[in-house]
Amino acid sequence: MDPRELKTAAEQLSLTDEEKQAMIDACAGRKRKPPYRTIAAIAAALLLVTALAAAPGIFFRAGSAKKAADTMEAEYALSDEEVKAENANGAVREDAAQSAASAASPAEATKMTDGNGGGVIRPQKYRARYYTLYAPFVQLVGREACREWWETIDSSSSATSMVMLQFVRHFNITREQFDKANLETARIIRDKLDGRPCMRPMDYANQETDEIYNADIIYTFDEDIINAYYLGPDYPYLFDFEFDEAVAAGTYTSQTEVWVDVDEMEAEILAKYGSLD
């Protein structure tokens, strides 16, 4: 059964949001996963550990998009006890719930608003890229050196300095090194994760997984500019399928302004530096 149909059916039952999602996941044959916008410290740590363990040039150990997705799901899966602990600490966003009134308007029912009972996404203050590193950047300095440095920084949800900015400063990463690692990040998103690389996502929360770093912003070295740029927006949707359905229905137009063409990015870097390596 299509997970979207399961979601609609689950909303009609007298269950808690957590029970509804568990039923959907079980029927769809999926593992339990925490919402994407979970505790920044956990997300950052998992991403770094995965990146440090990755084979050269690959964010995940898996050699295919499907295996990469399976690996990501396994890395992010939490036990019931961990999920309950996060809920107790107010760390997990409230799931969207359709009200009886909004159920009659499917296009509107997927939006997270107080009017349809969905509340708001519990945001980290900044987008995911503020707290994380991708493997190509780890490979610039080596896994051991990166591990030692990681233990000295604040990558939690209370962090006030972007992890990447700290990384660039600590290891004296040149703009050329940065641009080439960022290109490899874009390739990973496109080729390994089947995503569409972008900058400054504005449409749905999980779109943050497709964001690459903005070198022009980071290399200002101005924390006020960087922090303002990476503030998490109020997304109108949670998931890509909700966004796709709204676009197809003509009820929403993408607000994301910068889509990254990897081939064009390669051409620009080749022209600027004379090589891609």
Protein backbone atom coordinates (compact mmCIF):
# COMPACT_ATOMS: atom_id res chain seq x y z
CA MET A 1 0.00 0.00 0.00
CA ASP A 2 1.25 3.49 -0.84
CA PRO A 3 2.60 5.24 2.33
CA ARG A 4 0.60 8.35 1.40
CA GLU A 5 -2.63 6.34 1.45
CA LEU A 6 -1.58 4.81 4.76
CA LYS A 7 -0.98 8.29 6.17
CA THR A 8 -4.48 9.40 5.19
CA ALA A 9 -6.02 6.25 6.66
CA ALA A 10 -4.06 6.58 9.88
CA GLU A 11 -5.27 10.13 10.42
CA GLN A 12 -8.84 8.83 10.74
CA LEU A 13 -7.98 6.62 13.74
CA SER A 14 -8.00 7.66 17.39
CA LEU A 15 -4.27 7.17 17.90
CA THR A 16 -1.46 9.36 19.04
CA ASP A 17 0.74 10.87 16.35
CA GLU A 18 3.52 8.45 17.29
CA GLU A 19 1.19 5.45 17.04
CA LYS A 20 -0.09 6.60 13.65
CA GLN A 21 3.42 6.92 12.27
CA ALA A 22 4.43 3.55 13.70
CA MET A 23 1.43 1.94 11.99
CA ILE A 24 2.30 3.61 8.68
CA ASP A 25 5.91 2.49 8.91
CA ALA A 26 5.01 -1.06 9.85
CA CYS A 27 2.48 -1.45 7.03
CA ALA A 28 4.83 0.12 4.50
CA GLY A 29 7.63 -2.22 5.54
CA ARG A 30 9.86 0.61 6.71
CA LYS A 31 12.13 0.92 9.71
CA ARG A 32 11.29 3.51 12.31
CA LYS A 33 13.22 6.70 11.70
CA PRO A 34 13.29 9.89 13.74
CA PRO A 35 12.05 13.05 12.04
CA TYR A 36 14.75 14.67 9.96
CA ARG A 37 15.06 17.78 12.08
CA THR A 38 16.17 15.96 15.23
CA ILE A 39 18.76 16.90 17.86
CA ALA A 40 21.61 18.69 16.12
CA ALA A 41 24.26 16.97 18.20
CA ILE A 42 23.00 13.50 17.25
CA ALA A 43 22.62 14.39 13.59
CA ALA A 44 26.03 16.02 13.42
CA ALA A 45 27.75 13.16 15.22
CA LEU A 46 26.15 10.51 13.00
CA LEU A 47 27.01 12.39 9.84
CA LEU A 48 30.61 12.87 10.94
CA VAL A 49 31.05 9.25 12.01
CA THR A 50 29.62 8.08 8.69
CA ALA A 51 31.81 10.50 6.79
CA LEU A 52 34.95 9.45 8.66
CA ALA A 53 34.24 5.79 7.93
CA ALA A 54 33.39 6.33 4.28
CA ALA A 55 35.49 5.07 1.39
CA PRO A 56 37.31 7.79 -0.62
CA GLY A 57 34.89 9.92 -2.60
CA ILE A 58 31.76 8.32 -1.15
CA PHE A 59 29.70 9.69 1.72
CA PHE A 60 28.18 6.30 2.50
CA ARG A 61 29.96 2.97 2.30
CA ALA A 62 27.26 1.71 -0.03
CA GLY A 63 28.02 1.58 -3.73
CA SER A 64 24.54 2.35 -5.04
CA ALA A 65 21.79 4.88 -4.40
CA LYS A 66 19.55 2.23 -2.86
CA LYS A 67 22.29 0.95 -0.56
CA ALA A 68 23.17 4.52 0.37
CA ALA A 69 19.56 5.18 1.35
CA ASP A 70 19.45 1.93 3.34
CA THR A 71 22.66 2.88 5.11
CA MET A 72 21.32 6.32 6.00
CA GLU A 73 18.14 4.75 7.36
CA ALA A 74 20.14 2.30 9.47
CA GLU A 75 22.39 5.06 10.82
CA TYR A 76 19.46 7.24 11.84
CA ALA A 77 17.19 4.52 13.26
CA LEU A 78 16.45 5.00 16.96
CA SER A 79 15.03 2.56 19.47
CA ASP A 80 11.62 3.16 21.03
CA GLU A 81 13.39 4.16 24.24
CA GLU A 82 15.51 6.74 22.43
CA VAL A 83 12.46 8.15 20.65
CA LYS A 84 10.63 8.46 23.97
CA ALA A 85 13.66 10.14 25.53
CA GLU A 86 13.81 12.67 22.71
CA ASN A 87 10.10 13.39 23.01
CA ALA A 88 10.51 13.89 26.76
CA ASN A 89 13.20 16.46 26.13
CA GLY A 90 11.13 18.30 23.56
CA ALA A 91 13.68 17.37 20.90
CA VAL A 92 11.42 15.86 18.25
CA ARG A 93 9.07 17.98 16.16
CA GLU A 94 5.37 17.29 16.42
CA ASP A 95 4.07 15.20 13.51
CA ALA A 96 1.64 16.86 11.13
CA ALA A 97 -2.01 15.90 11.67
CA GLN A 98 -4.88 16.62 9.31
CA SER A 99 -7.98 18.18 10.83
CA ALA A 100 -11.45 17.17 9.69
CA ALA A 101 -11.82 20.48 7.88
CA SER A 102 -8.51 20.25 6.04
CA ALA A 103 -9.12 16.63 5.04
CA ALA A 104 -11.54 17.94 2.43
CA SER A 105 -8.70 19.94 0.85
CA PRO A 106 -5.78 17.52 0.27
CA ALA A 107 -3.44 20.18 -1.12
CA GLU A 108 -3.83 22.27 2.02
CA ALA A 109 -3.87 19.32 4.40
CA THR A 110 -0.16 18.62 3.97
CA LYS A 111 0.91 22.07 5.15
CA MET A 112 2.16 22.53 8.69
CA THR A 113 -0.11 25.26 10.05
CA ASP A 114 -1.88 25.93 13.31
CA GLY A 115 -5.12 26.12 11.35
CA ASN A 116 -5.08 22.47 10.27
CA GLY A 117 -3.78 21.12 13.55
CA GLY A 118 -0.23 20.56 12.32
CA GLY A 119 1.46 23.06 14.61
CA VAL A 120 4.96 24.01 13.53
CA ILE A 121 8.18 22.18 12.72
CA ARG A 122 10.44 22.16 15.76
CA PRO A 123 13.45 23.74 14.15
CA GLN A 124 17.07 23.53 14.97
CA LYS A 125 18.03 27.16 14.91
CA TYR A 126 20.10 26.62 11.78
CA ARG A 127 19.83 24.29 8.80
CA ALA A 128 21.55 20.88 8.86
CA ARG A 129 24.59 22.06 6.93
CA TYR A 130 25.46 24.39 9.83
CA TYR A 131 26.24 21.41 12.08
CA THR A 132 27.75 18.83 9.71
CA LEU A 133 30.62 17.84 7.42
CA TYR A 134 30.56 15.71 4.30
CA ALA A 135 33.25 13.09 3.61
CA PRO A 136 35.09 15.05 0.86
CA PHE A 137 36.00 17.70 3.44
CA VAL A 138 37.10 15.11 6.00
CA GLN A 139 39.35 13.61 3.34
CA LEU A 140 41.14 16.96 2.91
CA VAL A 141 42.75 16.61 6.34
CA GLY A 142 42.48 12.91 7.13
CA ARG A 143 40.12 11.01 9.38
CA GLU A 144 42.28 10.94 12.50
CA ALA A 145 43.01 14.66 12.44
CA CYS A 146 39.33 15.39 11.88
CA ARG A 147 38.30 13.11 14.75
CA GLU A 148 40.68 14.85 17.15
CA TRP A 149 39.45 18.29 16.07
CA TRP A 150 35.77 17.26 16.26
CA GLU A 151 36.16 16.42 19.94
CA THR A 152 37.20 20.00 20.67
CA ILE A 153 34.26 21.84 19.08
CA ASP A 154 30.63 22.51 19.89
CA SER A 155 28.44 20.90 17.22
CA SER A 156 25.30 20.73 19.36
CA SER A 157 22.01 22.56 18.86
CA SER A 158 23.38 25.33 21.09
CA ALA A 159 26.35 25.96 18.79
CA THR A 160 26.77 29.59 17.74
CA SER A 161 29.59 29.08 15.24
CA MET A 162 29.11 27.03 12.05
CA VAL A 163 31.00 23.72 12.08
CA MET A 164 32.32 24.30 8.56
CA LEU A 165 33.60 27.77 9.46
CA GLN A 166 35.46 26.28 12.42
CA PHE A 167 36.83 23.55 10.16
CA VAL A 168 38.07 26.01 7.51
CA ARG A 169 39.75 28.20 10.12
CA HIS A 170 41.35 25.35 12.06
CA PHE A 171 42.80 23.53 9.05
CA ASN A 172 43.45 26.62 6.90
CA ILE A 173 41.36 25.21 4.04
CA THR A 174 41.98 27.20 0.86
CA ARG A 175 39.11 28.33 -1.36
CA GLU A 176 40.34 25.97 -4.09
CA GLN A 177 40.30 22.99 -1.71
CA PHE A 178 36.87 24.01 -0.50
CA ASP A 179 35.37 24.45 -3.96
CA LYS A 180 36.61 21.06 -5.16
CA ALA A 181 35.35 19.26 -2.03
CA ASN A 182 32.03 21.07 -2.39
CA LEU A 183 31.83 19.82 -5.99
CA GLU A 184 32.34 16.27 -4.79
CA THR A 185 29.59 16.85 -2.21
CA ALA A 186 27.23 17.92 -5.00
CA ARG A 187 28.14 14.78 -6.97
CA ILE A 188 27.38 12.61 -3.96
CA ILE A 189 23.98 14.23 -3.49
CA ARG A 190 23.15 13.76 -7.17
CA ASP A 191 24.71 10.35 -7.87
CA LYS A 192 24.64 8.50 -4.55
CA LEU A 193 21.57 9.97 -2.88
CA ASP A 194 19.46 10.66 -6.00
CA GLY A 195 18.98 14.23 -4.80
CA ARG A 196 18.93 17.60 -6.52
CA PRO A 197 21.75 19.77 -5.14
CA CYS A 198 20.66 23.22 -4.05
CA MET A 199 21.56 26.11 -1.78
CA ARG A 200 19.25 27.73 0.77
CA PRO A 201 16.30 25.28 0.58
CA MET A 202 12.89 26.82 1.24
CA ASP A 203 10.29 24.19 0.31
CA TYR A 204 10.31 21.21 2.69
CA ALA A 205 12.37 20.17 5.71
CA ASN A 206 13.98 17.10 4.15
CA GLN A 207 15.23 19.26 1.29
CA GLU A 208 18.10 20.17 3.62
CA THR A 209 19.68 16.83 2.76
CA ASP A 210 20.29 18.21 -0.76
CA GLU A 211 21.96 21.44 0.32
CA ILE A 212 25.61 22.05 -0.50
CA TYR A 213 27.76 24.68 1.20
CA ASN A 214 27.76 28.29 0.05
CA ALA A 215 31.46 29.12 -0.26
CA ASP A 216 30.86 32.82 -0.89
CA ILE A 217 29.01 33.10 2.42
CA ILE A 218 31.43 30.98 4.45
CA TYR A 219 34.53 32.72 3.12
CA THR A 220 33.30 36.10 4.34
CA PHE A 221 34.40 34.76 7.76
CA ASP A 222 31.68 37.04 9.15
CA GLU A 223 29.68 35.04 11.68
CA ASP A 224 26.75 37.45 11.60
CA ILE A 225 26.40 36.98 7.83
CA ILE A 226 26.89 33.21 8.06
CA ASN A 227 24.43 32.74 10.91
CA ALA A 228 21.80 34.88 9.21
CA TYR A 229 22.18 32.89 5.97
CA TYR A 230 21.89 29.46 7.62
CA LEU A 231 18.87 30.21 9.81
CA GLY A 232 16.26 27.49 9.33
CA PRO A 233 13.16 28.75 7.48
CA ASP A 234 9.52 27.95 8.20
CA TYR A 235 9.01 25.25 5.60
CA PRO A 236 5.48 24.86 4.17
CA TYR A 237 5.98 21.08 3.79
CA LEU A 238 7.77 18.31 5.63
CA PHE A 239 8.49 15.80 2.87
CA ASP A 240 9.31 15.78 -0.81
CA PHE A 241 6.18 13.88 -1.84
CA GLU A 242 3.99 16.56 -0.25
CA PHE A 243 5.90 19.24 -2.12
CA ASP A 244 5.71 17.29 -5.41
CA GLU A 245 1.97 16.78 -5.06
CA ALA A 246 1.36 20.46 -4.36
CA VAL A 247 3.47 21.51 -7.34
CA ALA A 248 1.66 19.02 -9.60
CA ALA A 249 -1.70 20.30 -8.37
CA GLY A 250 -0.65 23.88 -9.08
CA THR A 251 -1.07 24.99 -5.48
CA TYR A 252 2.60 25.69 -4.81
CA THR A 253 5.65 26.99 -6.67
CA SER A 254 9.16 26.25 -5.40
CA GLN A 255 10.65 29.04 -3.28
CA THR A 256 14.18 27.62 -3.47
CA GLU A 257 16.15 30.10 -5.55
CA VAL A 258 19.48 28.34 -6.18
CA TRP A 259 19.50 24.93 -7.86
CA VAL A 260 22.98 23.58 -8.52
CA ASP A 261 23.80 22.04 -11.90
CA VAL A 262 26.75 19.74 -11.17
CA ASP A 263 28.03 19.81 -14.76
CA GLU A 264 28.03 23.62 -14.75
CA MET A 265 29.75 23.60 -11.36
CA GLU A 266 32.46 21.32 -12.80
CA ALA A 267 32.97 23.64 -15.77
CA GLU A 268 33.31 26.69 -13.52
CA ILE A 269 35.86 25.01 -11.26
CA LEU A 270 37.85 23.70 -14.23
CA ALA A 271 37.97 27.20 -15.73
CA LYS A 272 38.95 28.79 -12.41
CA TYR A 273 41.56 26.30 -11.21
CA GLY A 274 42.62 24.36 -14.32
CA SER A 275 41.69 20.95 -12.89
CA LEU A 276 39.00 19.16 -10.89
CA ASP A 277 41.46 17.24 -8.70
